[in-house]
């Protein structure tokens, strides 16, 4: 995961998952509205997982 994407995960989590699909954006947005920390954690985990999948594909 790049530094810019990690910063997006922390500052505005839904922006960091724009390229992951509608369901992911909705999930992270709802978690961010419920509380900022769950949204950040979800965005970081989803981006880290996507990075791992690209690395081993």
Protein backbone atom coordinates (compact mmCIF):
# COMPACT_ATOMS: atom_id res chain seq x y z
CA UNK A 1 0.00 0.00 0.00
CA UNK A 2 1.38 3.36 -0.94
CA UNK A 3 1.89 6.25 1.43
CA UNK A 4 -0.73 8.41 -0.28
CA UNK A 5 -3.37 5.68 -0.05
CA UNK A 6 -2.54 5.12 3.63
CA UNK A 7 -3.01 8.84 4.27
CA UNK A 8 -6.37 8.70 2.46
CA UNK A 9 -7.33 5.74 4.68
CA UNK A 10 -6.67 7.82 7.76
CA UNK A 11 -8.11 11.16 6.65
CA UNK A 12 -11.09 10.08 4.51
CA UNK A 13 -11.57 6.30 4.44
CA UNK A 14 -14.22 6.10 1.65
CA UNK A 15 -11.89 7.97 -0.72
CA UNK A 16 -9.23 5.29 -0.25
CA UNK A 17 -11.50 2.48 -1.46
CA UNK A 18 -13.04 4.17 -4.52
CA UNK A 19 -11.49 1.63 -6.91
CA UNK A 20 -12.70 -1.41 -4.93
CA UNK A 21 -16.36 -1.36 -5.94
CA UNK A 22 -19.70 -0.06 -4.77
CA UNK A 23 -20.19 -2.53 -1.92
CA UNK A 24 -16.81 -1.74 -0.41
CA UNK A 25 -17.42 2.00 -0.62
CA UNK A 26 -20.81 1.56 1.06
CA UNK A 27 -19.37 -0.62 3.82
CA UNK A 28 -16.52 1.77 4.62
CA UNK A 29 -18.85 4.78 4.47
CA UNK A 30 -21.28 3.19 6.92
CA UNK A 31 -18.47 2.23 9.27
CA UNK A 32 -17.06 5.74 9.04
CA UNK A 33 -20.45 7.23 9.89
CA UNK A 34 -20.78 4.84 12.83
CA UNK A 35 -17.39 5.90 14.09
CA UNK A 36 -14.28 7.22 12.46
CA UNK A 37 -11.94 4.53 13.82
CA UNK A 38 -13.90 1.52 12.43
CA UNK A 39 -13.95 3.18 9.00
CA UNK A 40 -10.20 3.76 9.09
CA UNK A 41 -9.50 0.19 10.19
CA UNK A 42 -11.74 -1.24 7.47
CA UNK A 43 -10.14 0.92 4.78
CA UNK A 44 -6.63 -0.02 5.89
CA UNK A 45 -7.47 -3.74 5.98
CA UNK A 46 -9.19 -3.70 2.60
CA UNK A 47 -6.32 -1.85 0.95
CA UNK A 48 -3.71 -4.09 2.56
CA UNK A 49 -5.60 -7.19 1.41
CA UNK A 50 -5.86 -5.86 -2.14
CA UNK A 51 -2.13 -5.14 -2.15
CA UNK A 52 -1.38 -8.70 -1.06
CA UNK A 53 -3.65 -10.14 -3.77
CA UNK A 54 -1.92 -8.04 -6.46
CA UNK A 55 1.50 -9.10 -5.21
CA UNK A 56 0.80 -12.84 -5.41
CA UNK A 57 -1.36 -12.84 -8.54
